[in-house]
Protein backbone atom coordinates (compact mmCIF):
# COMPACT_ATOMS: atom_id res chain seq x y z
CA MET A 1 116.33 128.04 84.94
CA SER A 2 113.48 129.63 86.65
CA ALA A 3 112.56 128.92 90.32
CA ALA A 4 109.13 127.29 89.31
CA THR A 5 110.82 125.44 86.73
CA THR A 6 113.29 124.40 89.51
CA LEU A 7 110.68 123.14 91.86
CA ARG A 8 108.82 121.17 89.43
CA ASP A 9 111.96 119.26 88.17
CA ARG A 10 112.67 118.73 91.88
CA LEU A 11 109.12 117.18 92.51
CA PHE A 12 109.36 115.10 89.69
CA ALA A 13 113.14 113.98 90.45
CA VAL A 14 112.14 112.77 94.21
CA LEU A 15 108.96 110.76 93.38
CA PRO A 16 109.20 107.20 93.68
CA PRO A 17 108.66 105.50 90.35
CA ASP A 18 105.42 104.65 90.59
CA GLN A 19 104.09 108.00 91.93
CA ARG A 20 106.05 109.69 89.36
CA ALA A 21 104.08 107.57 86.57
CA LEU A 22 100.44 108.61 88.12
CA THR A 23 101.67 112.47 88.12
CA GLU A 24 103.24 112.28 84.80
CA THR A 25 99.88 110.48 83.16
CA ALA A 26 97.64 113.20 85.43
CA VAL A 27 99.57 115.91 83.82
CA GLU A 28 98.79 114.16 80.11
CA THR A 29 95.28 113.46 80.92
CA CYS A 30 94.68 117.27 82.06
CA ALA A 31 96.71 118.44 78.96
CA SER A 32 94.61 116.55 76.79
CA ARG A 33 91.21 117.89 78.40
CA ARG A 34 92.94 121.37 78.89
CA TYR A 35 92.42 121.37 82.84
CA PRO A 36 95.12 123.32 84.55
CA LEU A 37 96.79 120.94 87.09
CA PHE A 38 99.07 121.89 90.27
CA ALA A 39 100.63 120.09 93.06
CA VAL A 40 99.74 121.83 96.43
CA GLY A 41 100.18 121.57 100.05
CA GLY A 42 102.27 119.38 102.20
CA ALA A 43 104.29 117.77 99.44
CA ILE A 44 105.16 121.50 98.26
CA ARG A 45 106.01 122.30 102.02
CA ASP A 46 108.40 119.41 102.46
CA LEU A 47 109.74 119.61 99.00
CA LEU A 48 111.20 123.33 99.91
CA LEU A 49 112.32 122.07 103.28
CA GLY A 50 114.11 119.20 101.89
CA ARG A 51 112.12 116.62 103.77
CA ALA A 52 111.07 113.15 102.29
CA PHE A 53 107.07 112.69 102.00
CA SER A 54 105.09 110.03 100.88
CA ASP A 55 101.78 111.26 99.51
CA LEU A 56 101.06 113.89 97.13
CA ASP A 57 98.02 116.09 96.59
CA LEU A 58 97.12 117.47 92.96
CA VAL A 59 94.24 120.14 92.46
CA VAL A 60 92.60 120.20 89.13
CA GLU A 61 90.63 123.04 87.64
CA GLY A 62 88.20 120.77 86.44
CA PRO A 63 86.54 117.39 87.42
CA ALA A 64 88.81 115.58 89.60
CA ILE A 65 87.18 112.14 89.83
CA GLU A 66 87.22 112.16 85.80
CA VAL A 67 90.94 112.97 85.75
CA ALA A 68 91.60 110.35 88.17
CA ALA A 69 89.47 107.35 86.74
CA ALA A 70 91.25 107.95 83.42
CA VAL A 71 94.89 108.05 85.50
CA ALA A 72 93.74 104.63 87.17
CA ALA A 73 92.79 103.21 84.07
CA ALA A 74 95.91 104.13 82.14
CA CYS A 75 98.13 103.09 84.79
CA GLY A 76 96.17 100.18 86.40
CA ALA A 77 96.09 101.92 90.07
CA ARG A 78 93.41 101.22 92.60
CA LEU A 79 90.91 104.18 92.74
CA VAL A 80 88.83 105.52 95.60
CA THR A 81 86.53 108.54 94.92
CA HIS A 82 84.80 110.92 97.23
CA PRO A 83 82.12 112.33 95.02
CA ARG A 84 80.57 114.58 97.96
CA PHE A 85 83.76 116.77 97.97
CA GLY A 86 84.90 115.72 94.35
CA THR A 87 88.09 114.16 95.51
CA ALA A 88 89.75 110.60 94.44
CA SER A 89 92.63 109.01 95.59
CA LEU A 90 95.26 107.07 93.45
CA GLN A 91 97.06 104.25 95.60
CA ALA A 92 100.76 103.57 94.70
CA VAL A 93 103.27 101.40 96.51
CA ALA A 94 105.24 104.07 97.68
CA GLY A 95 102.53 106.39 98.82
CA ARG A 96 99.13 107.93 97.58
CA VAL A 97 98.44 110.32 94.79
CA ASP A 98 95.20 112.50 95.95
CA VAL A 99 93.38 114.38 93.13
CA VAL A 100 91.14 117.07 94.07
CA THR A 101 88.66 119.54 92.30
CA ALA A 102 89.63 123.18 93.00
CA ARG A 103 87.06 124.24 95.32
CA ARG A 104 86.06 126.97 97.74
CA GLU A 105 84.27 126.22 100.95
CA ARG A 106 81.50 127.77 103.28
CA TYR A 107 80.97 126.46 106.86
CA PRO A 108 77.36 126.80 107.91
CA HIS A 109 78.09 126.90 111.51
CA PRO A 110 81.22 126.34 113.67
CA GLY A 111 82.15 122.43 113.75
CA ALA A 112 80.16 121.55 110.42
CA LEU A 113 81.72 119.99 107.68
CA PRO A 114 82.26 122.60 104.81
CA VAL A 115 79.80 122.93 101.71
CA VAL A 116 81.85 123.01 98.71
CA GLU A 117 81.55 124.26 95.23
CA PRO A 118 84.29 124.30 92.33
CA ALA A 119 86.42 127.18 91.99
CA GLY A 120 89.83 128.18 90.69
CA ILE A 121 93.21 127.40 92.23
CA ALA A 122 93.34 130.94 94.19
CA ASP A 123 90.02 129.96 96.26
CA ASP A 124 91.49 126.71 96.91
CA LEU A 125 94.42 127.76 98.12
CA GLY A 126 92.49 130.03 100.41
CA ARG A 127 90.56 127.50 101.78
CA ARG A 128 93.49 125.63 103.31
CA ASP A 129 94.63 125.71 107.17
CA PHE A 130 97.99 127.43 107.28
CA THR A 131 100.30 129.45 105.07
CA ILE A 132 102.70 126.39 104.61
CA HIS A 133 100.01 124.77 102.95
CA ALA A 134 98.75 127.34 100.75
CA MET A 135 101.67 126.87 98.04
CA ALA A 136 101.28 125.32 94.49
CA VAL A 137 103.51 124.65 91.68
CA ARG A 138 101.50 124.54 88.36
CA LEU A 139 102.18 121.42 86.24
CA TRP A 140 100.20 122.34 83.54
CA PRO A 141 99.76 124.40 81.24
CA GLN A 142 103.27 125.66 80.72
CA PRO A 143 105.11 127.66 81.76
CA GLU A 144 105.39 126.27 85.18
CA GLU A 145 104.38 128.66 87.92
CA PHE A 146 104.92 128.87 91.73
CA LEU A 147 101.92 130.04 93.73
CA ASP A 148 102.31 131.45 96.98
CA PRO A 149 99.67 133.80 97.73
CA PHE A 150 100.03 133.92 101.67
CA GLY A 151 103.50 134.13 102.09
CA GLY A 152 104.02 130.38 102.94
CA ARG A 153 107.62 130.20 101.70
CA ALA A 154 108.61 133.16 104.04
CA ASP A 155 107.19 131.22 106.98
CA LEU A 156 108.94 128.17 106.26
CA GLU A 157 112.14 130.14 106.25
CA ALA A 158 110.98 131.85 109.60
CA ARG A 159 109.85 128.28 110.86
CA LEU A 160 106.37 129.54 111.78
CA VAL A 161 102.94 128.09 111.56
CA ARG A 162 100.47 131.06 110.61
CA VAL A 163 96.76 130.66 110.08
CA LEU A 164 95.49 132.17 107.02
CA HIS A 165 92.63 134.23 108.82
CA ASP A 166 91.08 135.05 111.92
CA ALA A 167 88.18 132.89 111.64
CA SER A 168 89.86 129.74 110.64
CA PHE A 169 89.37 128.01 114.01
CA ARG A 170 86.07 128.99 114.50
CA ASP A 171 85.20 127.16 111.00
CA ASP A 172 87.05 124.07 111.72
CA ALA A 173 88.64 123.88 115.20
CA THR A 174 90.44 120.67 114.72
CA ARG A 175 93.20 123.02 112.94
CA ALA A 176 94.02 123.89 116.27
CA LEU A 177 95.39 120.54 117.01
CA ARG A 178 96.65 120.10 113.58
CA ALA A 179 98.88 123.61 114.33
CA PHE A 180 100.50 121.78 117.22
CA ARG A 181 101.07 118.66 115.48
CA TYR A 182 102.87 120.49 112.46
CA ALA A 183 105.04 122.85 114.64
CA ALA A 184 106.06 119.81 116.66
CA ARG A 185 106.96 117.65 113.34
CA LEU A 186 108.61 120.59 111.82
CA ASP A 187 110.34 121.87 114.97
CA PHE A 188 108.45 125.49 114.06
CA ALA A 189 107.15 127.83 116.55
CA ILE A 190 103.33 128.88 116.22
CA GLU A 191 103.18 132.21 115.13
CA PRO A 192 102.09 134.75 118.07
CA HIS A 193 98.91 135.98 116.63
CA THR A 194 97.88 132.54 115.40
CA LEU A 195 98.51 131.21 118.82
CA ASP A 196 96.19 133.82 120.26
CA LEU A 197 93.64 132.87 117.95
CA VAL A 198 94.08 129.16 119.32
CA ARG A 199 93.32 130.29 122.94
CA ARG A 200 90.46 132.51 121.97
CA ASP A 201 88.68 129.67 119.98
CA ALA A 202 89.64 126.78 122.12
CA ALA A 203 86.14 126.30 122.87
CA TYR A 204 84.97 125.70 119.33
CA LEU A 205 86.67 122.09 119.63
CA ARG A 206 83.68 121.20 121.83
CA ARG A 207 81.49 121.36 118.58
CA VAL A 208 83.20 118.96 116.73
CA SER A 209 82.01 115.32 116.09
CA PRO A 210 83.46 112.59 118.00
CA ALA A 211 85.01 110.92 115.03
CA ARG A 212 86.82 113.92 113.54
CA LEU A 213 88.26 114.89 117.33
CA ARG A 214 89.47 111.24 117.96
CA ARG A 215 91.16 111.08 114.35
CA GLU A 216 92.98 114.47 115.25
CA PHE A 217 94.09 112.95 118.25
CA VAL A 218 95.09 109.68 116.62
CA LEU A 219 96.91 111.67 114.08
CA ILE A 220 98.97 113.36 116.73
CA PHE A 221 99.76 109.98 118.37
CA GLU A 222 101.01 108.44 115.14
CA ASP A 223 103.11 111.58 114.13
CA GLU A 224 106.69 112.19 114.73
CA ARG A 225 106.86 114.18 118.04
CA PRO A 226 103.57 113.56 119.58
CA GLU A 227 104.71 114.49 123.31
CA ARG A 228 105.65 118.07 122.06
CA ALA A 229 102.34 118.48 120.25
CA LEU A 230 100.21 117.36 123.30
CA ALA A 231 102.47 119.65 125.52
CA GLY A 232 101.73 122.43 123.49
CA ALA A 233 98.07 121.82 123.13
CA ALA A 234 97.77 121.37 126.69
CA GLU A 235 99.46 124.60 127.40
CA ALA A 236 97.35 126.47 124.99
CA GLY A 237 94.05 125.11 126.78
CA LEU A 238 92.72 122.75 123.83
CA LEU A 239 92.82 119.73 126.22
CA SER A 240 90.86 121.42 129.12
CA ALA A 241 88.63 123.06 126.60
CA LEU A 242 87.19 119.81 125.92
CA ARG A 243 86.09 119.51 129.55
CA CYS A 244 86.25 115.59 129.57
CA GLY A 245 89.53 115.22 131.68
CA LEU A 246 92.25 115.22 129.18
CA SER A 247 95.46 116.44 130.36
CA TRP A 248 99.11 115.84 129.36
CA PRO A 249 101.35 114.36 132.32
CA ARG A 250 104.36 116.70 132.42
CA ASP A 251 106.92 114.31 133.11
CA VAL A 252 106.51 112.21 130.04
CA PRO A 253 109.79 112.62 128.00
CA ASP A 254 110.17 113.07 124.50
CA GLY A 255 110.67 109.26 122.83
CA ALA A 256 107.71 107.68 124.66
CA PHE A 257 105.44 107.13 121.93
CA ALA A 258 108.91 105.73 119.83
CA GLN A 259 108.97 103.37 122.97
CA ALA A 260 105.40 102.22 122.48
CA ARG A 261 106.10 101.25 119.15
CA LYS A 262 109.25 99.15 119.97
CA TRP A 263 106.76 97.34 122.54
CA ASN A 264 104.58 96.55 119.83
CA VAL A 265 101.56 98.89 121.79
CA ALA A 266 98.77 100.19 120.01
CA LEU A 267 99.31 104.10 119.90
CA ASP A 268 95.56 105.12 119.98
CA GLY A 269 95.35 103.22 123.23
CA PHE A 270 98.54 104.24 124.51
CA GLY A 271 98.02 107.98 123.84
CA PHE A 272 94.37 108.30 125.20
CA CYS A 273 95.54 106.38 128.46
CA LEU A 274 98.24 109.08 128.93
CA LEU A 275 95.95 111.79 128.15
CA LEU A 276 93.51 110.08 130.90
CA ALA A 277 96.25 109.37 133.33
CA SER A 278 95.02 111.94 136.00
CA ALA A 279 91.64 111.88 135.30
CA HIS A 280 88.90 110.60 137.73
CA PRO A 281 86.79 107.65 136.54
CA SER A 282 83.74 109.33 136.12
CA LEU A 283 85.93 111.83 133.68
CA VAL A 284 87.45 108.66 132.03
CA GLU A 285 83.81 107.58 131.16
CA ARG A 286 83.02 110.97 129.97
CA THR A 287 85.78 110.86 127.59
CA VAL A 288 84.86 107.62 126.35
CA ARG A 289 81.62 108.96 125.45
CA ARG A 290 82.47 112.29 123.97
CA LEU A 291 85.26 110.71 121.65
CA ALA A 292 83.29 107.54 120.99
CA LEU A 293 86.30 105.56 121.88
CA ALA A 294 86.56 101.96 121.05
CA PRO A 295 85.97 99.48 123.75
CA ARG A 296 89.68 98.27 123.62
CA ILE A 297 90.79 101.83 124.27
CA ALA A 298 87.85 102.27 126.98
CA CYS A 299 89.21 99.38 128.51
CA ALA A 300 92.86 100.28 128.90
CA ALA A 301 92.14 103.70 129.96
CA ARG A 302 89.87 102.00 132.69
CA SER A 303 92.63 99.79 133.68
CA LEU A 304 95.42 102.40 133.87
CA ALA A 305 94.60 103.35 137.33
CA GLU A 306 94.11 99.78 138.67
CA ILE A 307 97.96 99.18 137.35
CA VAL A 308 99.70 102.44 138.96
CA GLU A 309 97.77 101.89 142.09
CA ALA A 310 98.46 98.21 142.58
CA PRO A 311 100.53 97.53 145.87
CA LEU A 312 102.10 94.46 144.44
CA LEU A 313 104.05 96.51 141.91
CA ARG A 314 105.11 99.06 144.32
CA ARG A 315 106.43 96.02 147.01
CA ALA A 316 110.16 96.04 147.41
CA SER A 317 110.21 92.60 147.32
CA VAL A 318 108.07 90.48 144.88
CA ALA A 319 108.69 87.55 142.54
CA PRO A 320 108.74 88.29 138.78
CA SER A 321 106.21 85.54 138.45
CA ALA A 322 103.66 87.08 140.34
CA VAL A 323 104.12 90.48 138.50
CA VAL A 324 103.79 88.67 135.43
CA THR A 325 100.48 86.82 136.58
CA MET A 326 99.13 90.54 137.33
CA LEU A 327 100.00 92.07 134.20
CA ASP A 328 99.18 89.32 131.78
CA GLY A 329 95.44 90.04 132.34
CA ALA A 330 96.10 93.93 131.59
CA PRO A 331 95.78 95.76 128.58
CA PRO A 332 99.42 96.39 127.01
CA GLU A 333 98.48 100.02 126.31
CA ALA A 334 97.82 100.67 129.94
CA ILE A 335 101.02 98.95 131.00
CA ALA A 336 102.95 101.03 128.58
CA ALA A 337 101.44 104.01 129.94
CA ALA A 338 101.92 102.79 133.40
CA ALA A 339 105.67 102.70 132.82
CA PHE A 340 105.70 106.52 132.38
CA VAL A 341 103.01 107.99 134.67
CA ALA A 342 103.33 105.70 137.79
CA ARG A 343 104.09 107.74 140.81
CA ASP A 344 106.19 104.98 142.28
CA GLU A 345 109.46 104.25 140.73
CA ILE A 346 109.66 100.43 141.33
CA ALA A 347 106.37 100.20 139.68
CA ARG A 348 107.38 101.79 136.63
CA ARG A 349 110.64 99.69 136.29
CA ARG A 350 108.73 96.62 136.53
CA CYS A 351 106.07 97.67 133.75
CA VAL A 352 109.26 98.56 131.64
CA ARG A 353 110.79 95.10 132.41
CA TYR A 354 107.62 93.13 131.98
CA LEU A 355 107.28 94.79 128.42
CA ASP A 356 110.82 94.34 127.63
CA ASP A 357 111.36 91.20 128.93
CA TRP A 358 109.25 89.11 131.34
CA ARG A 359 105.87 88.75 128.68
CA HIS A 360 108.37 86.95 126.23
CA ILE A 361 109.50 84.25 128.66
CA ARG A 362 108.36 80.75 127.82
CA PRO A 363 109.33 77.32 128.82
CA GLU A 364 111.21 75.22 126.13
CA LEU A 365 108.95 72.14 126.95
CA ASP A 366 105.52 72.41 125.42
CA GLY A 367 102.24 70.51 125.62
CA ASP A 368 103.28 67.73 123.36
CA ALA A 369 106.68 67.16 125.31
CA LEU A 370 104.39 67.10 128.73
CA SER A 371 101.87 64.83 127.08
CA ALA A 372 104.70 62.28 126.27
CA LEU A 373 106.05 62.49 129.90
CA GLY A 374 102.70 61.30 131.20
CA PHE A 375 100.81 64.42 131.95
CA ARG A 376 97.17 64.55 130.84
CA GLY A 377 94.36 67.06 130.27
CA PRO A 378 94.47 70.13 132.65
CA GLU A 379 97.62 68.93 134.25
CA ILE A 380 99.40 70.05 131.00
CA GLY A 381 98.04 73.57 131.27
CA GLU A 382 98.98 73.76 134.97
CA THR A 383 102.37 72.43 134.48
CA LEU A 384 103.27 74.70 131.70
CA ARG A 385 102.37 77.88 133.86
CA ALA A 386 104.31 76.29 136.63
CA LEU A 387 107.24 76.05 134.16
CA ARG A 388 107.05 79.47 133.25
CA ASN A 389 107.02 80.77 136.59
CA ALA A 390 110.00 78.70 137.43
CA ARG A 391 111.81 80.27 134.36
CA LEU A 392 110.72 83.68 135.34
CA ASP A 393 111.87 83.30 139.11
CA GLY A 394 115.28 81.82 137.82
CA VAL A 395 114.32 78.31 139.49
CA VAL A 396 115.15 76.61 136.10
CA ALA A 397 117.32 78.05 133.02
CA SER A 398 117.77 75.14 130.52
CA ARG A 399 115.70 72.43 128.94
CA ALA A 400 117.40 69.96 131.09
CA ASP A 401 116.55 72.17 134.27
CA GLU A 402 112.64 71.97 132.91
CA GLU A 403 112.82 68.28 132.47
CA ARG A 404 113.93 67.74 136.04
CA PHE A 405 111.41 70.19 137.27
CA VAL A 406 108.37 68.46 135.26
CA ARG A 407 109.64 64.86 136.59
CA GLN A 408 109.70 66.15 140.28
CA ARG A 409 106.23 67.33 139.74
CA LEU A 410 105.21 63.63 138.38
CA THR A 411 107.02 62.05 141.34
CA GLU A 412 105.19 64.42 143.66
CA ARG A 413 101.84 63.38 141.75
CA ALA A 414 102.42 59.85 142.34
CA GLY A 415 103.19 60.15 146.14
CA PRO A 416 105.38 58.02 148.17
CA ALA A 417 106.04 54.10 147.42
CA THR A 418 104.19 51.84 149.67
CA GLY A 419 105.57 48.47 151.00
CA ALA A 420 104.21 45.00 150.54
């Protein structure tokens, strides 16, 4: 059995049933129209590495949207098309199948979106970012063929991220951030000449639109090892090249983003808070404008400084209810970031305790129970807040304790009895 046949068989063997059905139908559709079809990019990389993958990229030497529409009709899949680039996406339960017209790209100027035109598979592989993504397996026509014109398989074995050509980061500077994302995810090194090019062309990041730049950061935040990717990007000068106050705190440990997920904190706000942890307020505002950050994220970034500098959090002895009263009004992303970047260890521990435990503590009695006991109107909300504080501070520990607590408040409200 040839290596190409083995790869093709392995690809179909690991695809979930719905993705496999879409891919097999794409092969049949291309065969009936005599359009060569290839599986390319990250799926081939992960197949060779023995890693799981969810999305599959197919390249057609022909009209991809036509092929994808036929597949969607045959399989009942949801179809999304992007006519400008000749691409379409088929959504399966287990992941996506993207169908792309083989193309070449031309960049009118650094930072611009590419101008594309149909081409062959060789041109399509040559437009890609790194050698490990410029590999393909031909699915039709037979016999199968493994295409690796830039030595991507050798770089996989050497565990290297290598750019295809010296102008790559000038054409699309977001590839520089991607280099660190993939290196961190795969535990690869960036090939030395590629790293030199990253440093040489870092300033071209300033020509990238806010939406594209923001998206690259969010993709890093959502990846497997964001901390390593961001530390590498900072060391290579990519963050400082943007000139808007972004930096990476050196003491943020691996696993910070994983912990943020456990806290159910939005990773985009958490990530930008970390990147702006040491920025002057004026630079925070510059970043908000430069990356067109959403109001929610901007609010979190602005709040971080107030949290890490709050005297109450650093005080040696303070009631948990006082901490909760303060932090309940702050964005969770900022609190989570403070748990890693606050200079005071007591403040860090209190942020962690708030996110782990305190914010979830609620009294067992609810508004209906208080109403039945005789509380009315604003008294109900005030008493619920007092009950929660009592729970936080250990004054009450059970429903029976809560009932005694609220009856005492009723007694105090009524005042002392008077004689006749």
